[in-house]
C-alpha atoms as a PDB file:
ATOM      1  CA  MET A   1    -123.878  72.064  11.533  1.00  0.00           C
ATOM      2  CA  GLU A   2    -126.038  69.700  13.786  1.00  0.00           C
ATOM      3  CA  LYS A   3    -123.840  68.292  16.459  1.00  0.00           C
ATOM      4  CA  GLY A   4    -126.118  65.270  17.450  1.00  0.00           C
ATOM      5  CA  CYS A   5    -123.808  62.756  17.011  1.00  0.00           C
ATOM      6  CA  ALA A   6    -122.468  63.007  20.488  1.00  0.00           C
ATOM      7  CA  ARG A   7    -119.490  61.266  21.815  1.00  0.00           C
ATOM      8  CA  ARG A   8    -119.822  57.561  22.813  1.00  0.00           C
ATOM      9  CA  THR A   9    -118.609  56.899  26.394  1.00  0.00           C
ATOM     10  CA  ALA A  10    -120.004  53.339  26.587  1.00  0.00           C
ATOM     11  CA  TYR A  11    -117.253  50.805  27.703  1.00  0.00           C
ATOM     12  CA  GLY A  12    -117.911  47.071  27.250  1.00  0.00           C
ATOM     13  CA  ALA A  13    -116.823  44.284  29.636  1.00  0.00           C
ATOM     14  CA  LEU A  14    -115.804  41.244  27.531  1.00  0.00           C
ATOM     15  CA  CYS A  15    -113.329  38.545  27.888  1.00  0.00           C
ATOM     16  CA  PHE A  16    -112.502  34.861  27.407  1.00  0.00           C
ATOM     17  CA  GLY A  17    -111.381  32.081  29.561  1.00  0.00           C
ATOM     18  CA  TRP A  18    -108.040  30.969  31.147  1.00  0.00           C
ATOM     19  CA  LEU A  19    -106.547  28.397  28.975  1.00  0.00           C
ATOM     20  CA  PHE A  20    -103.571  27.509  31.146  1.00  0.00           C
ATOM     21  CA  SER A  21    -102.969  27.890  34.605  1.00  0.00           C
ATOM     22  CA  ALA A  22    -100.951  31.039  35.929  1.00  0.00           C
ATOM     23  CA  SER A  23     -97.652  29.322  35.986  1.00  0.00           C
ATOM     24  CA  GLN A  24     -97.432  29.498  32.191  1.00  0.00           C
ATOM     25  CA  PRO A  25     -95.251  32.092  30.596  1.00  0.00           C
ATOM     26  CA  ALA A  26     -96.918  35.328  30.168  1.00  0.00           C
ATOM     27  CA  GLN A  27     -98.684  35.948  26.702  1.00  0.00           C
ATOM     28  CA  ALA A  28     -99.781  39.614  26.614  1.00  0.00           C
ATOM     29  CA  THR A  29    -102.353  40.647  29.244  1.00  0.00           C
ATOM     30  CA  GLU A  30    -104.007  37.864  31.138  1.00  0.00           C
ATOM     31  CA  TYR A  31    -106.738  36.262  29.145  1.00  0.00           C
ATOM     32  CA  GLY A  32    -105.278  38.145  26.084  1.00  0.00           C
ATOM     33  CA  LEU A  33    -107.904  40.867  26.248  1.00  0.00           C
ATOM     34  CA  SER A  34    -108.408  44.196  27.789  1.00  0.00           C
ATOM     35  CA  ASP A  35    -110.936  46.053  30.238  1.00  0.00           C
ATOM     36  CA  TYR A  36    -111.070  48.904  27.691  1.00  0.00           C
ATOM     37  CA  ILE A  37    -112.928  48.051  24.495  1.00  0.00           C
ATOM     38  CA  LEU A  38    -111.269  49.344  21.530  1.00  0.00           C
ATOM     39  CA  GLY A  39    -113.569  51.071  19.135  1.00  0.00           C
ATOM     40  CA  LEU A  40    -116.326  51.884  21.708  1.00  0.00           C
ATOM     41  CA  SER A  41    -115.443  55.533  22.143  1.00  0.00           C
ATOM     42  CA  MET A  42    -115.654  56.943  18.363  1.00  0.00           C
ATOM     43  CA  PRO A  43    -116.296  58.886  16.525  1.00  0.00           C
ATOM     44  CA  MET A  44    -116.611  62.269  18.138  1.00  0.00           C
ATOM     45  CA  SER A  45    -114.177  61.092  20.989  1.00  0.00           C
ATOM     46  CA  GLY A  46    -113.251  64.841  22.245  1.00  0.00           C
ATOM     47  CA  TYR A  47    -116.874  66.212  21.893  1.00  0.00           C
ATOM     48  CA  THR A  48    -118.788  66.756  25.047  1.00  0.00           C
ATOM     49  CA  PRO A  49    -122.570  66.708  24.764  1.00  0.00           C
ATOM     50  CA  PRO A  50    -124.838  69.665  25.898  1.00  0.00           C
ATOM     51  CA  PRO A  51    -125.947  69.475  29.687  1.00  0.00           C
ATOM     52  CA  GLY A  52    -128.260  66.800  30.745  1.00  0.00           C
ATOM     53  CA  ALA A  53    -128.673  63.292  30.813  1.00  0.00           C
ATOM     54  CA  TYR A  54    -128.230  60.785  27.949  1.00  0.00           C
ATOM     55  CA  PHE A  55    -128.654  56.984  27.169  1.00  0.00           C
ATOM     56  CA  TRP A  56    -126.491  54.759  24.944  1.00  0.00           C
ATOM     57  CA  ASP A  57    -127.270  51.272  24.156  1.00  0.00           C
ATOM     58  CA  THR A  58    -124.743  49.219  22.046  1.00  0.00           C
ATOM     59  CA  PHE A  59    -124.670  46.063  20.574  1.00  0.00           C
ATOM     60  CA  TYR A  60    -121.336  44.626  20.111  1.00  0.00           C
ATOM     61  CA  LEU A  61    -120.228  41.407  17.990  1.00  0.00           C
ATOM     62  CA  TYR A  62    -116.977  40.053  17.947  1.00  0.00           C
ATOM     63  CA  SER A  63    -115.420  37.040  16.357  1.00  0.00           C
ATOM     64  CA  GLY A  64    -111.669  36.032  16.267  1.00  0.00           C
ATOM     65  CA  SER A  65    -109.113  33.366  16.590  1.00  0.00           C
ATOM     66  CA  GLY A  66    -105.292  33.166  17.286  1.00  0.00           C
ATOM     67  CA  THR A  67    -102.515  31.035  18.836  1.00  0.00           C
ATOM     68  CA  LEU A  68    -101.877  32.758  22.213  1.00  0.00           C
ATOM     69  CA  TYR A  69    -100.329  30.346  24.253  1.00  0.00           C
ATOM     70  CA  ARG A  70     -97.004  28.644  23.362  1.00  0.00           C
ATOM     71  CA  ASP A  71     -94.616  26.627  25.414  1.00  0.00           C
ATOM     72  CA  PRO A  72     -91.757  25.362  23.486  1.00  0.00           C
ATOM     73  CA  ALA A  73     -90.063  23.354  26.032  1.00  0.00           C
ATOM     74  CA  ALA A  74     -93.176  21.211  26.060  1.00  0.00           C
ATOM     75  CA  ASN A  75     -93.748  21.438  22.268  1.00  0.00           C
ATOM     76  CA  ARG A  76     -97.326  22.629  23.056  1.00  0.00           C
ATOM     77  CA  SER A  77     -99.460  25.331  21.725  1.00  0.00           C
ATOM     78  CA  THR A  78    -103.098  26.339  21.918  1.00  0.00           C
ATOM     79  CA  LYS A  79    -105.278  28.345  19.464  1.00  0.00           C
ATOM     80  CA  ILE A  80    -108.446  29.619  20.587  1.00  0.00           C
ATOM     81  CA  ALA A  81    -111.418  30.843  18.678  1.00  0.00           C
ATOM     82  CA  TYR A  82    -114.120  32.863  20.209  1.00  0.00           C
ATOM     83  CA  SER A  83    -117.044  34.875  19.706  1.00  0.00           C
ATOM     84  CA  TYR A  84    -119.210  36.947  21.950  1.00  0.00           C
ATOM     85  CA  LEU A  85    -122.464  39.318  21.484  1.00  0.00           C
ATOM     86  CA  ALA A  86    -123.016  42.077  24.463  1.00  0.00           C
ATOM     87  CA  ASP A  87    -125.686  44.615  24.979  1.00  0.00           C
ATOM     88  CA  VAL A  88    -123.827  47.410  26.553  1.00  0.00           C
ATOM     89  CA  ALA A  89    -125.849  50.018  28.379  1.00  0.00           C
ATOM     90  CA  THR A  90    -124.649  53.443  29.550  1.00  0.00           C
ATOM     91  CA  VAL A  91    -126.198  56.116  31.333  1.00  0.00           C
ATOM     92  CA  ALA A  92    -124.489  59.531  31.380  1.00  0.00           C
ATOM     93  CA  TRP A  93    -124.830  63.142  32.969  1.00  0.00           C
ATOM     94  CA  TYR A  94    -123.306  66.471  31.937  1.00  0.00           C
ATOM     95  CA  GLY A  95    -123.512  69.546  34.165  1.00  0.00           C
ATOM     96  CA  ASP A  96    -124.521  73.000  33.448  1.00  0.00           C
ATOM     97  CA  PHE A  97    -121.523  74.397  35.514  1.00  0.00           C
ATOM     98  CA  LYS A  98    -117.741  74.472  34.844  1.00  0.00           C
ATOM     99  CA  ILE A  99    -114.934  73.172  36.671  1.00  0.00           C
ATOM    100  CA  LEU A 100    -111.407  74.598  35.656  1.00  0.00           C
ATOM    101  CA  GLY A 101    -113.333  75.971  32.901  1.00  0.00           C
ATOM    102  CA  GLY A 102    -114.538  72.670  31.626  1.00  0.00           C
ATOM    103  CA  THR A 103    -117.814  70.947  31.683  1.00  0.00           C
ATOM    104  CA  PRO A 104    -118.223  67.866  34.147  1.00  0.00           C
ATOM    105  CA  GLY A 105    -119.765  64.620  33.244  1.00  0.00           C
ATOM    106  CA  LEU A 106    -120.318  61.066  34.999  1.00  0.00           C
ATOM    107  CA  SER A 107    -121.188  57.992  33.379  1.00  0.00           C
ATOM    108  CA  ALA A 108    -121.965  54.105  34.609  1.00  0.00           C
ATOM    109  CA  VAL A 109    -121.662  50.887  32.389  1.00  0.00           C
ATOM    110  CA  THR A 110    -123.010  47.739  32.475  1.00  0.00           C
ATOM    111  CA  ALA A 111    -123.349  44.885  29.841  1.00  0.00           C
ATOM    112  CA  LEU A 112    -125.139  41.507  29.308  1.00  0.00           C
ATOM    113  CA  VAL A 113    -122.784  39.178  27.725  1.00  0.00           C
ATOM    114  CA  GLY A 114    -123.085  35.874  25.679  1.00  0.00           C
ATOM    115  CA  PHE A 115    -119.543  34.264  25.300  1.00  0.00           C
ATOM    116  CA  ARG A 116    -118.399  31.127  23.452  1.00  0.00           C
ATOM    117  CA  ASN A 117    -114.732  30.102  23.691  1.00  0.00           C
ATOM    118  CA  THR A 118    -113.156  27.052  22.015  1.00  0.00           C
ATOM    119  CA  ALA A 119    -109.516  25.811  22.704  1.00  0.00           C
ATOM    120  CA  LEU A 120    -107.459  23.539  20.706  1.00  0.00           C
ATOM    121  CA  THR A 121    -104.368  22.389  22.073  1.00  0.00           C
ATOM    122  CA  THR A 122    -101.540  20.752  20.014  1.00  0.00           C
ATOM    123  CA  SER A 123     -98.537  18.764  21.349  1.00  0.00           C
ATOM    124  CA  THR A 124     -95.941  16.743  20.134  1.00  0.00           C
ATOM    125  CA  ASN A 125     -94.384  13.865  22.281  1.00  0.00           C
ATOM    126  CA  SER A 126     -90.632  12.527  22.441  1.00  0.00           C
ATOM    127  CA  TYR A 127     -91.464  10.192  19.536  1.00  0.00           C
ATOM    128  CA  GLY A 128     -92.766  13.011  17.382  1.00  0.00           C
ATOM    129  CA  VAL A 129     -96.431  11.973  17.697  1.00  0.00           C
ATOM    130  CA  ARG A 130     -98.858  14.932  17.387  1.00  0.00           C
ATOM    131  CA  ASN A 131    -101.826  15.057  19.704  1.00  0.00           C
ATOM    132  CA  LEU A 132    -104.726  17.228  19.571  1.00  0.00           C
ATOM    133  CA  SER A 133    -107.287  18.052  22.268  1.00  0.00           C
ATOM    134  CA  SER A 134    -110.171  20.647  22.342  1.00  0.00           C
ATOM    135  CA  ALA A 135    -112.668  22.185  24.951  1.00  0.00           C
ATOM    136  CA  THR A 136    -115.421  24.554  24.523  1.00  0.00           C
ATOM    137  CA  GLY A 137    -117.147  26.863  27.145  1.00  0.00           C
ATOM    138  CA  GLU A 138    -119.991  28.974  27.098  1.00  0.00           C
ATOM    139  CA  VAL A 139    -121.653  31.471  29.461  1.00  0.00           C
ATOM    140  CA  THR A 140    -124.261  34.190  29.440  1.00  0.00           C
ATOM    141  CA  SER A 141    -124.196  36.596  32.358  1.00  0.00           C
ATOM    142  CA  LEU A 142    -123.441  40.318  33.377  1.00  0.00           C
ATOM    143  CA  SER A 143    -119.974  41.684  32.774  1.00  0.00           C
ATOM    144  CA  ASP A 144    -117.915  43.745  34.980  1.00  0.00           C
ATOM    145  CA  SER A 145    -119.124  47.576  35.835  1.00  0.00           C
ATOM    146  CA  TYR A 146    -117.317  50.556  34.502  1.00  0.00           C
ATOM    147  CA  PHE A 147    -117.534  54.165  36.075  1.00  0.00           C
ATOM    148  CA  SER A 148    -116.092  57.329  34.346  1.00  0.00           C
ATOM    149  CA  ALA A 149    -115.545  60.937  35.090  1.00  0.00           C
ATOM    150  CA  LEU A 150    -115.105  63.529  32.622  1.00  0.00           C
ATOM    151  CA  LEU A 151    -114.214  66.964  32.083  1.00  0.00           C
ATOM    152  CA  GLY A 152    -114.698  68.528  28.637  1.00  0.00           C
ATOM    153  CA  TRP A 153    -113.497  71.818  26.891  1.00  0.00           C
ATOM    154  CA  GLU A 154    -114.370  73.488  23.790  1.00  0.00           C
ATOM    155  CA  ALA A 155    -113.419  76.597  21.553  1.00  0.00           C
ATOM    156  CA  GLY A 156    -115.213  77.049  18.488  1.00  0.00           C
ATOM    157  CA  GLU A 157    -114.529  74.092  16.174  1.00  0.00           C
ATOM    158  CA  HIS A 158    -111.987  72.439  18.730  1.00  0.00           C
ATOM    159  CA  HIS A 159    -113.403  70.178  21.368  1.00  0.00           C
ATOM    160  CA  TRP A 160    -111.194  68.213  23.937  1.00  0.00           C
ATOM    161  CA  ASN A 161    -111.773  66.134  27.321  1.00  0.00           C
ATOM    162  CA  LEU A 162    -110.121  64.063  29.790  1.00  0.00           C
ATOM    163  CA  VAL A 163    -111.823  60.888  30.952  1.00  0.00           C
ATOM    164  CA  VAL A 164    -110.972  58.703  34.056  1.00  0.00           C
ATOM    165  CA  THR A 165    -112.517  55.172  34.073  1.00  0.00           C
ATOM    166  CA  GLY A 166    -112.503  52.813  36.905  1.00  0.00           C
ATOM    167  CA  PHE A 167    -113.299  49.246  36.120  1.00  0.00           C
ATOM    168  CA  ALA A 168    -115.036  47.247  38.840  1.00  0.00           C
ATOM    169  CA  PRO A 169    -114.636  43.397  38.789  1.00  0.00           C
ATOM    170  CA  THR A 170    -118.395  42.688  39.154  1.00  0.00           C
ATOM    171  CA  GLY A 171    -118.748  40.006  36.357  1.00  0.00           C
ATOM    172  CA  ASN A 172    -119.245  36.378  36.339  1.00  0.00           C
ATOM    173  CA  TYR A 173    -115.784  35.089  36.960  1.00  0.00           C
ATOM    174  CA  ASN A 174    -114.629  31.530  37.685  1.00  0.00           C
ATOM    175  CA  PRO A 175    -110.848  30.653  37.247  1.00  0.00           C
ATOM    176  CA  ASP A 176    -111.646  27.012  36.504  1.00  0.00           C
ATOM    177  CA  ARG A 177    -114.271  27.976  33.690  1.00  0.00           C
ATOM    178  CA  LEU A 178    -113.119  28.215  30.051  1.00  0.00           C
ATOM    179  CA  ALA A 179    -115.583  31.276  29.409  1.00  0.00           C
ATOM    180  CA  GLN A 180    -115.919  34.326  31.449  1.00  0.00           C
ATOM    181  CA  THR A 181    -117.976  37.496  31.548  1.00  0.00           C
ATOM    182  CA  GLY A 182    -115.523  39.252  33.978  1.00  0.00           C
ATOM    183  CA  LEU A 183    -111.698  39.668  34.380  1.00  0.00           C
ATOM    184  CA  ASN A 184    -111.517  39.819  38.021  1.00  0.00           C
ATOM    185  CA  ARG A 185    -108.932  42.581  37.330  1.00  0.00           C
ATOM    186  CA  PRO A 186    -109.502  46.068  38.761  1.00  0.00           C
ATOM    187  CA  GLY A 187    -108.108  48.844  36.845  1.00  0.00           C
ATOM    188  CA  ILE A 188    -108.027  52.511  35.801  1.00  0.00           C
ATOM    189  CA  ASP A 189    -107.911  53.967  32.415  1.00  0.00           C
ATOM    190  CA  VAL A 190    -106.735  57.748  31.839  1.00  0.00           C
ATOM    191  CA  ARG A 191    -107.757  59.056  28.299  1.00  0.00           C
ATOM    192  CA  GLY A 192    -107.446  62.401  26.487  1.00  0.00           C
ATOM    193  CA  ALA A 193    -109.403  63.167  23.207  1.00  0.00           C
ATOM    194  CA  TYR A 194    -109.513  65.700  20.633  1.00  0.00           C
ATOM    195  CA  THR A 195    -112.418  66.417  17.982  1.00  0.00           C
ATOM    196  CA  PHE A 196    -112.111  69.176  15.361  1.00  0.00           C
ATOM    197  CA  LEU A 197    -115.517  69.813  13.826  1.00  0.00           C
ATOM    198  CA  SER A 198    -115.763  72.434  11.077  1.00  0.00           C
ATOM    199  CA  GLN A 199    -118.738  74.306  10.278  1.00  0.00           C
ATOM    200  CA  SER A 200    -118.994  72.339   6.814  1.00  0.00           C
ATOM    201  CA  GLY A 201    -119.136  69.032   9.122  1.00  0.00           C
ATOM    202  CA  THR A 202    -115.640  67.736   8.581  1.00  0.00           C
ATOM    203  CA  GLU A 203    -114.526  65.812  11.632  1.00  0.00           C
ATOM    204  CA  VAL A 204    -111.017  64.793  12.714  1.00  0.00           C
ATOM    205  CA  SER A 205    -111.023  62.929  16.123  1.00  0.00           C
ATOM    206  CA  GLY A 206    -108.194  61.250  18.207  1.00  0.00           C
ATOM    207  CA  ALA A 207    -107.985  59.527  21.570  1.00  0.00           C
ATOM    208  CA  LEU A 208    -104.957  58.475  23.376  1.00  0.00           C
ATOM    209  CA  GLY A 209    -105.274  56.498  26.673  1.00  0.00           C
ATOM    210  CA  VAL A 210    -103.440  54.151  29.068  1.00  0.00           C
ATOM    211  CA  THR A 211    -105.014  51.344  31.264  1.00  0.00           C
ATOM    212  CA  PHE A 212    -103.252  50.741  34.567  1.00  0.00           C
ATOM    213  CA  ASN A 213    -104.154  47.137  35.613  1.00  0.00           C
ATOM    214  CA  ALA A 214    -104.206  45.791  39.215  1.00  0.00           C
ATOM    215  CA  LEU A 215    -103.540  42.237  40.135  1.00  0.00           C
ATOM    216  CA  ASN A 216    -105.911  39.181  39.782  1.00  0.00           C
ATOM    217  CA  THR A 217    -106.055  38.062  43.498  1.00  0.00           C
ATOM    218  CA  THR A 218    -107.610  34.826  42.397  1.00  0.00           C
ATOM    219  CA  THR A 219    -104.821  33.650  39.755  1.00  0.00           C
ATOM    220  CA  ASN A 220    -102.143  35.827  41.577  1.00  0.00           C
ATOM    221  CA  TYR A 221    -101.403  37.475  37.941  1.00  0.00           C
ATOM    222  CA  GLN A 222    -100.258  40.833  37.314  1.00  0.00           C
ATOM    223  CA  SER A 223    -101.411  42.065  33.663  1.00  0.00           C
ATOM    224  CA  GLY A 224     -99.149  44.800  32.258  1.00  0.00           C
ATOM    225  CA  ASP A 225    -100.003  48.372  31.442  1.00  0.00           C
ATOM    226  CA  GLU A 226    -101.814  49.118  28.099  1.00  0.00           C
ATOM    227  CA  LEU A 227    -101.457  52.081  25.652  1.00  0.00           C
ATOM    228  CA  HIS A 228    -104.377  52.745  23.055  1.00  0.00           C
ATOM    229  CA  PHE A 229    -105.067  55.256  20.562  1.00  0.00           C
ATOM    230  CA  GLU A 230    -108.487  55.666  18.472  1.00  0.00           C
ATOM    231  CA  TRP A 231    -108.979  57.868  15.427  1.00  0.00           C
ATOM    232  CA  ALA A 232    -111.776  58.732  13.242  1.00  0.00           C
ATOM    233  CA  LEU A 233    -112.343  60.925   9.743  1.00  0.00           C
ATOM    234  CA  ASN A 234    -115.893  61.681   9.511  1.00  0.00           C
ATOM    235  CA  GLN A 235    -118.076  64.025   7.002  1.00  0.00           C
ATOM    236  CA  HIS A 236    -121.250  65.056   8.974  1.00  0.00           C
ATOM    237  CA  LEU A 237    -123.871  66.214   6.132  1.00  0.00           C
ATOM    238  CA  PRO A 238    -126.804  68.620   6.720  1.00  0.00           C
ATOM    239  CA  PHE A 239    -129.510  66.140   6.614  1.00  0.00           C
ATOM    240  CA  GLY A 240    -128.106  64.239   9.622  1.00  0.00           C
ATOM    241  CA  LEU A 241    -126.000  61.517   7.748  1.00  0.00           C
ATOM    242  CA  ALA A 242    -122.393  61.128   8.619  1.00  0.00           C
ATOM    243  CA  ALA A 243    -119.946  58.784   6.956  1.00  0.00           C
ATOM    244  CA  GLY A 244    -116.214  58.149   7.479  1.00  0.00           C
ATOM    245  CA  VAL A 245    -113.386  55.796   8.507  1.00  0.00           C
ATOM    246  CA  GLY A 246    -111.734  54.926  11.650  1.00  0.00           C
ATOM    247  CA  GLY A 247    -109.501  52.650  13.482  1.00  0.00           C
ATOM    248  CA  TYR A 248    -107.395  51.933  16.405  1.00  0.00           C
ATOM    249  CA  TYR A 249    -104.002  50.868  17.752  1.00  0.00           C
ATOM    250  CA  TYR A 250    -103.084  49.016  20.908  1.00  0.00           C
ATOM    251  CA  GLN A 251     -99.688  48.278  22.385  1.00  0.00           C
ATOM    252  CA  GLN A 252     -98.997  46.689  25.659  1.00  0.00           C
ATOM    253  CA  ILE A 253     -96.100  48.664  27.148  1.00  0.00           C
ATOM    254  CA  THR A 254     -95.248  46.634  30.515  1.00  0.00           C
ATOM    255  CA  ASN A 255     -94.746  43.067  30.904  1.00  0.00           C
ATOM    256  CA  ASP A 256     -97.192  40.671  32.818  1.00  0.00           C
ATOM    257  CA  HIS A 257     -95.833  39.078  36.133  1.00  0.00           C
ATOM    258  CA  GLY A 258     -97.429  35.959  37.799  1.00  0.00           C
ATOM    259  CA  ALA A 259     -96.658  32.997  39.982  1.00  0.00           C
ATOM    260  CA  SER A 260     -94.070  31.462  37.672  1.00  0.00           C
ATOM    261  CA  ASP A 261     -90.328  32.388  37.055  1.00  0.00           C
ATOM    262  CA  ALA A 262     -90.693  31.609  33.400  1.00  0.00           C
ATOM    263  CA  TYR A 263     -91.711  34.906  31.449  1.00  0.00           C
ATOM    264  CA  GLY A 264     -90.710  36.542  28.415  1.00  0.00           C
ATOM    265  CA  ALA A 265     -91.470  40.101  26.841  1.00  0.00           C
ATOM    266  CA  PHE A 266     -94.681  38.685  25.437  1.00  0.00           C
ATOM    267  CA  ARG A 267     -96.599  42.135  25.070  1.00  0.00           C
ATOM    268  CA  GLY A 268     -99.811  42.120  22.973  1.00  0.00           C
ATOM    269  CA  ARG A 269    -100.142  44.336  19.799  1.00  0.00           C
ATOM    270  CA  VAL A 270    -103.021  44.975  17.448  1.00  0.00           C
ATOM    271  CA  ALA A 271    -104.252  47.609  14.836  1.00  0.00           C
ATOM    272  CA  ALA A 272    -107.612  47.851  12.864  1.00  0.00           C
ATOM    273  CA  VAL A 273    -109.298  49.994  10.460  1.00  0.00           C
ATOM    274  CA  GLY A 274    -112.990  50.170   9.117  1.00  0.00           C
ATOM    275  CA  PRO A 275    -115.874  52.103   7.896  1.00  0.00           C
ATOM    276  CA  LEU A 276    -118.103  54.450  10.306  1.00  0.00           C
ATOM    277  CA  LEU A 277    -121.774  55.235   9.525  1.00  0.00           C
ATOM    278  CA  ALA A 278    -124.327  57.399  11.574  1.00  0.00           C
ATOM    279  CA  TYR A 279    -127.750  58.894  11.182  1.00  0.00           C
ATOM    280  CA  THR A 280    -129.320  61.626  13.565  1.00  0.00           C
ATOM    281  CA  PHE A 281    -133.151  62.421  13.073  1.00  0.00           C
ATOM    282  CA  VAL A 282    -135.963  63.617  15.270  1.00  0.00           C
ATOM    283  CA  ALA A 283    -138.644  61.364  16.469  1.00  0.00           C
ATOM    284  CA  GLY A 284    -141.529  63.425  18.095  1.00  0.00           C
ATOM    285  CA  ALA A 285    -139.562  65.723  20.295  1.00  0.00           C
ATOM    286  CA  GLN A 286    -136.695  63.508  20.867  1.00  0.00           C
ATOM    287  CA  GLN A 287    -133.372  63.483  19.024  1.00  0.00           C
ATOM    288  CA  VAL A 288    -132.134  60.238  18.242  1.00  0.00           C
ATOM    289  CA  SER A 289    -128.737  58.847  16.807  1.00  0.00           C
ATOM    290  CA  LEU A 290    -127.987  55.680  15.290  1.00  0.00           C
ATOM    291  CA  SER A 291    -124.481  54.595  14.234  1.00  0.00           C
ATOM    292  CA  ALA A 292    -122.598  51.594  13.065  1.00  0.00           C
ATOM    293  CA  ARG A 293    -118.935  50.605  12.675  1.00  0.00           C
ATOM    294  CA  TRP A 294    -116.934  47.730  11.732  1.00  0.00           C
ATOM    295  CA  PHE A 295    -113.242  47.136  12.145  1.00  0.00           C
ATOM    296  CA  HIS A 296    -110.996  44.568  10.825  1.00  0.00           C
ATOM    297  CA  GLU A 297    -107.732  43.815  12.970  1.00  0.00           C
ATOM    298  CA  PHE A 298    -104.243  43.330  11.583  1.00  0.00           C
ATOM    299  CA  ASP A 299    -100.535  43.546  12.680  1.00  0.00           C
ATOM    300  CA  VAL A 300    -101.588  41.332  15.572  1.00  0.00           C
ATOM    301  CA  VAL A 301     -99.082  40.067  18.251  1.00  0.00           C
ATOM    302  CA  ASN A 302     -99.930  37.903  21.104  1.00  0.00           C
ATOM    303  CA  ARG A 303    -103.690  38.647  20.978  1.00  0.00           C
ATOM    304  CA  VAL A 304    -106.753  37.236  18.914  1.00  0.00           C
ATOM    305  CA  ARG A 305    -107.199  38.514  15.437  1.00  0.00           C
ATOM    306  CA  GLY A 306    -110.909  39.078  14.450  1.00  0.00           C
ATOM    307  CA  ASP A 307    -113.399  41.503  13.389  1.00  0.00           C
ATOM    308  CA  SER A 308    -115.685  43.652  15.485  1.00  0.00           C
ATOM    309  CA  VAL A 309    -119.198  45.371  14.821  1.00  0.00           C
ATOM    310  CA  PHE A 310    -120.747  48.047  16.798  1.00  0.00           C
ATOM    311  CA  THR A 311    -124.126  49.367  16.474  1.00  0.00           C
ATOM    312  CA  THR A 312    -125.298  52.227  18.841  1.00  0.00           C
ATOM    313  CA  LEU A 313    -128.713  53.596  19.745  1.00  0.00           C
ATOM    314  CA  SER A 314    -128.330  56.949  21.655  1.00  0.00           C
ATOM    315  CA  PHE A 315    -130.611  59.856  22.723  1.00  0.00           C
ATOM    316  CA  PRO A 316    -130.982  62.303  25.692  1.00  0.00           C
ATOM    317  CA  LEU A 317    -133.235  61.459  28.458  1.00  0.00           C
END
């Protein structure tokens, strides 16, 4: 069985702008989005590539909408609709030695993001008159940077790893702007993943992680911690083609805190499922992998609901 479909370690940095000031009640994590991008680390989440250097280039398109901010006391709510396209570049290295019996790895990630965000606010005054106002923001810039350390193990058809990722707030951030390409929110993500890959090419992968968010010192807003689970069922064929289905589940596990006394347990949640497709081939002396995946979101609470599309080109350096 050819194992050219290596684990994708790229993490993107995509976010949208602040619609209200930090004095508004908390609605999931700040900006309603996470540093950790769901769906980027599949399939083969638990598989560690052979020693050497690798490059991943992922194009990520997301389009979604939802009512994130509600203020019942003021009879006001805001619906946002946004879309963004990112080119996420990842360079990774895996050692030819062992630490605690596992293979070590390091990776660095950055992205160029084009983002458009539209906010539509609806309010009703004391006379019952309904008012609408809208605003749109656009920005194209570099995102936050991510750095990961990995330790991976394998035993026959079983592969598993532990990944620790640090999120550095290096993106283009302005709290007075509607669109952003950085969260200004440092954080650490700890993730464990497992992949079963049989000799016949059947793959079963799962990855469970938690993101611990630090304070956004500009807005004095502390986003809650977030749990995420990703899974994939794939069949790898002898001529390099792989096809299957995958998905993810996200749940915010602690409340937000900020500069206001008015808060509720507005924790975010989302689930998604969609098809996976990959093809690995040899170009000259170089092995190249192309993959695509699409996820449709459902069961959404306090987050935008939409569709995400990933296309990835990867090869050893």
